[in-house]
Structure formats: C-alpha cells, structure tokens
Amino acid sequence: MSSDPYACPNIPQLIGVLEGGDFNAELADDYRDLIAKMENAAAETSGKTKIKGKIVLTIDLSLQGGAYEATAACKVTEPKRQPRRTVLYATAGNTLSRNDPKQNDMFLRGVDKPGETRAV
C-alpha cells in the first residue's frame, strides 16, 4: 500500500479527482436528475410500466512520457415518455368516438319543466 495521500487505488477515488472533483459533482447531479425523471415517468403510468434509464461512464487514459492523462465523459439516457392508451369505439358513420354507442348515456339530463325541482 502506498503512503501517497493522492493515490487513487480504486475507481471511485479516481472519479473523485477527475477535473478537480468537478466531474464527480456533475455526475452526482446527473444521477439525481435521472432518478427524479424516472420517478416522474413512473408516476405518469401509475407504476404499471417498466421505466428505463442509463448512465454510461467513460474514462479515457493515455500514457506519454511516464505521465497519465485522464479524461472522463458521462452520457445519460433519460426514460422515454410512455404513450398512454386511448380507447375509442366505431360509430355507425365509420368514424371513432370516445363514447361506446352500445352503452346508454349515463350523464344526468335536465328536468323536463323549467324551474321544477325534484328531491332525491
């Protein structure tokens, strides 16, 4: 084990030093944003649809003259909007309607005589 306090013996520590720590902060923001967007997408479908997101982290290393150069990139794939289903029915005139012509209209209708009130 090295006594070097700046050594990066694992990937999380390497990510932490990239771009002076700014890359790690941006990656953390991207992560939280993705989770929020996935939660919102799931809420739109009442949790009935599988929501997918992706974070792809790329770290390029190059070696020249005994010194390494590291560059990192992060690509976030946000969930796609899930289409919602709309149920429509064919009409006698060969068009579509939101109302099923085979069912009775269940909406309340007005009273026959103007000004008349009925107790229910």
Protein backbone atom coordinates (compact mmCIF):
# COMPACT_ATOMS: atom_id res chain seq x y z
CA MET A 1 0.00 0.00 0.00
CA SER A 2 1.32 3.39 -0.97
CA SER A 3 1.81 6.16 1.57
CA ASP A 4 0.89 8.70 -1.13
CA PRO A 5 -2.24 10.58 0.10
CA TYR A 6 -3.10 11.46 -3.52
CA ALA A 7 -3.05 7.88 -4.81
CA CYS A 8 -6.21 6.57 -6.48
CA PRO A 9 -6.22 2.84 -5.71
CA ASN A 10 -9.81 2.34 -6.94
CA ILE A 11 -12.30 3.72 -9.45
CA PRO A 12 -14.40 5.80 -7.00
CA GLN A 13 -11.27 7.64 -5.85
CA LEU A 14 -10.18 8.16 -9.46
CA ILE A 15 -13.60 9.63 -10.31
CA GLY A 16 -13.30 11.87 -7.25
CA VAL A 17 -10.11 13.55 -8.51
CA LEU A 18 -11.09 13.97 -12.16
CA GLU A 19 -11.36 17.63 -13.17
CA GLY A 20 -10.51 18.68 -9.62
CA GLY A 21 -13.65 16.99 -8.26
CA ASP A 22 -15.99 18.86 -10.63
CA PHE A 23 -16.66 15.76 -12.75
CA ASN A 24 -17.81 13.82 -9.68
CA ALA A 25 -20.17 16.67 -8.69
CA GLU A 26 -21.65 16.81 -12.21
CA LEU A 27 -22.02 13.03 -12.27
CA ALA A 28 -23.85 13.14 -8.93
CA ASP A 29 -26.21 15.82 -10.31
CA ASP A 30 -26.86 13.76 -13.45
CA TYR A 31 -27.59 10.71 -11.28
CA ARG A 32 -30.13 12.57 -9.11
CA ASP A 33 -31.77 14.17 -12.16
CA LEU A 34 -32.14 10.78 -13.84
CA ILE A 35 -33.74 9.23 -10.75
CA ALA A 36 -36.18 12.17 -10.49
CA LYS A 37 -37.15 11.84 -14.17
CA MET A 38 -37.64 8.10 -13.78
CA GLU A 39 -39.86 8.64 -10.72
CA ASN A 40 -41.94 11.20 -12.65
CA ALA A 41 -42.25 8.87 -15.64
CA ALA A 42 -43.35 6.03 -13.36
CA ALA A 43 -45.95 8.28 -11.71
CA GLU A 44 -47.42 9.14 -15.13
CA THR A 45 -48.12 5.44 -15.73
CA SER A 46 -49.16 4.73 -12.12
CA GLY A 47 -46.21 2.39 -11.83
CA LYS A 48 -47.64 -0.02 -14.41
CA THR A 49 -44.82 0.30 -16.94
CA LYS A 50 -41.15 -0.55 -16.60
CA ILE A 51 -39.16 2.70 -16.80
CA LYS A 52 -35.58 2.53 -18.03
CA GLY A 53 -32.70 4.98 -17.77
CA LYS A 54 -28.99 4.61 -18.28
CA ILE A 55 -25.75 6.23 -17.17
CA VAL A 56 -22.67 5.38 -19.20
CA LEU A 57 -19.36 6.48 -17.73
CA THR A 58 -16.28 6.55 -19.95
CA ILE A 59 -12.78 7.20 -18.65
CA ASP A 60 -10.06 7.50 -21.26
CA LEU A 61 -6.48 7.06 -20.10
CA SER A 62 -3.40 7.92 -22.14
CA LEU A 63 0.23 7.49 -21.18
CA GLN A 64 3.04 9.58 -22.54
CA GLY A 65 6.47 10.19 -21.06
CA GLY A 66 5.57 8.44 -17.79
CA ALA A 67 2.55 10.68 -17.10
CA TYR A 68 -1.07 9.61 -17.43
CA GLU A 69 -3.78 11.87 -18.71
CA ALA A 70 -7.35 11.00 -17.76
CA THR A 71 -10.47 12.38 -19.40
CA ALA A 72 -13.98 11.37 -18.45
CA ALA A 73 -17.39 11.65 -20.02
CA CYS A 74 -20.83 10.72 -18.88
CA LYS A 75 -23.81 10.02 -21.10
CA VAL A 76 -27.26 9.87 -19.54
CA THR A 77 -30.17 8.24 -21.34
CA GLU A 78 -33.42 9.51 -19.87
CA PRO A 79 -36.62 7.49 -19.88
CA LYS A 80 -38.77 7.88 -22.95
CA ARG A 81 -42.28 9.17 -22.49
CA GLN A 82 -44.60 6.21 -22.33
CA PRO A 83 -47.61 6.56 -24.63
CA ARG A 84 -50.94 6.40 -22.85
CA ARG A 85 -53.72 4.30 -24.23
CA THR A 86 -56.91 5.89 -25.55
CA VAL A 87 -59.99 3.69 -26.00
CA LEU A 88 -62.24 4.62 -28.92
CA TYR A 89 -65.30 2.99 -30.49
CA ALA A 90 -66.51 2.75 -34.06
CA THR A 91 -69.64 4.70 -34.91
CA ALA A 92 -72.35 3.91 -37.47
CA GLY A 93 -70.78 6.53 -39.77
CA ASN A 94 -67.40 4.71 -39.73
CA THR A 95 -65.62 7.22 -37.52
CA LEU A 96 -64.26 6.90 -33.99
CA SER A 97 -65.80 8.21 -30.78
CA ARG A 98 -64.86 8.18 -27.10
CA ASN A 99 -68.42 7.06 -26.32
CA ASP A 100 -69.44 3.43 -26.80
CA PRO A 101 -72.58 3.55 -28.97
CA LYS A 102 -73.72 0.23 -27.44
CA GLN A 103 -73.99 1.77 -23.97
CA ASN A 104 -76.63 4.14 -22.65
CA ASP A 105 -75.61 7.69 -21.83
CA MET A 106 -75.16 7.75 -18.07
CA PHE A 107 -74.87 11.52 -17.71
CA LEU A 108 -77.67 13.38 -15.92
CA ARG A 109 -80.19 15.16 -18.05
CA GLY A 110 -82.08 18.35 -17.33
CA VAL A 111 -85.55 18.40 -15.72
CA ASP A 112 -88.46 18.46 -18.19
CA LYS A 113 -90.21 21.56 -16.78
CA PRO A 114 -88.17 24.73 -16.32
CA GLY A 115 -87.91 25.78 -12.68
CA GLU A 116 -89.08 22.39 -11.38
CA THR A 117 -87.00 20.82 -8.65
CA ARG A 118 -87.04 17.20 -7.60
CA ALA A 119 -85.91 15.77 -4.29
CA VAL A 120 -83.86 12.63 -4.43
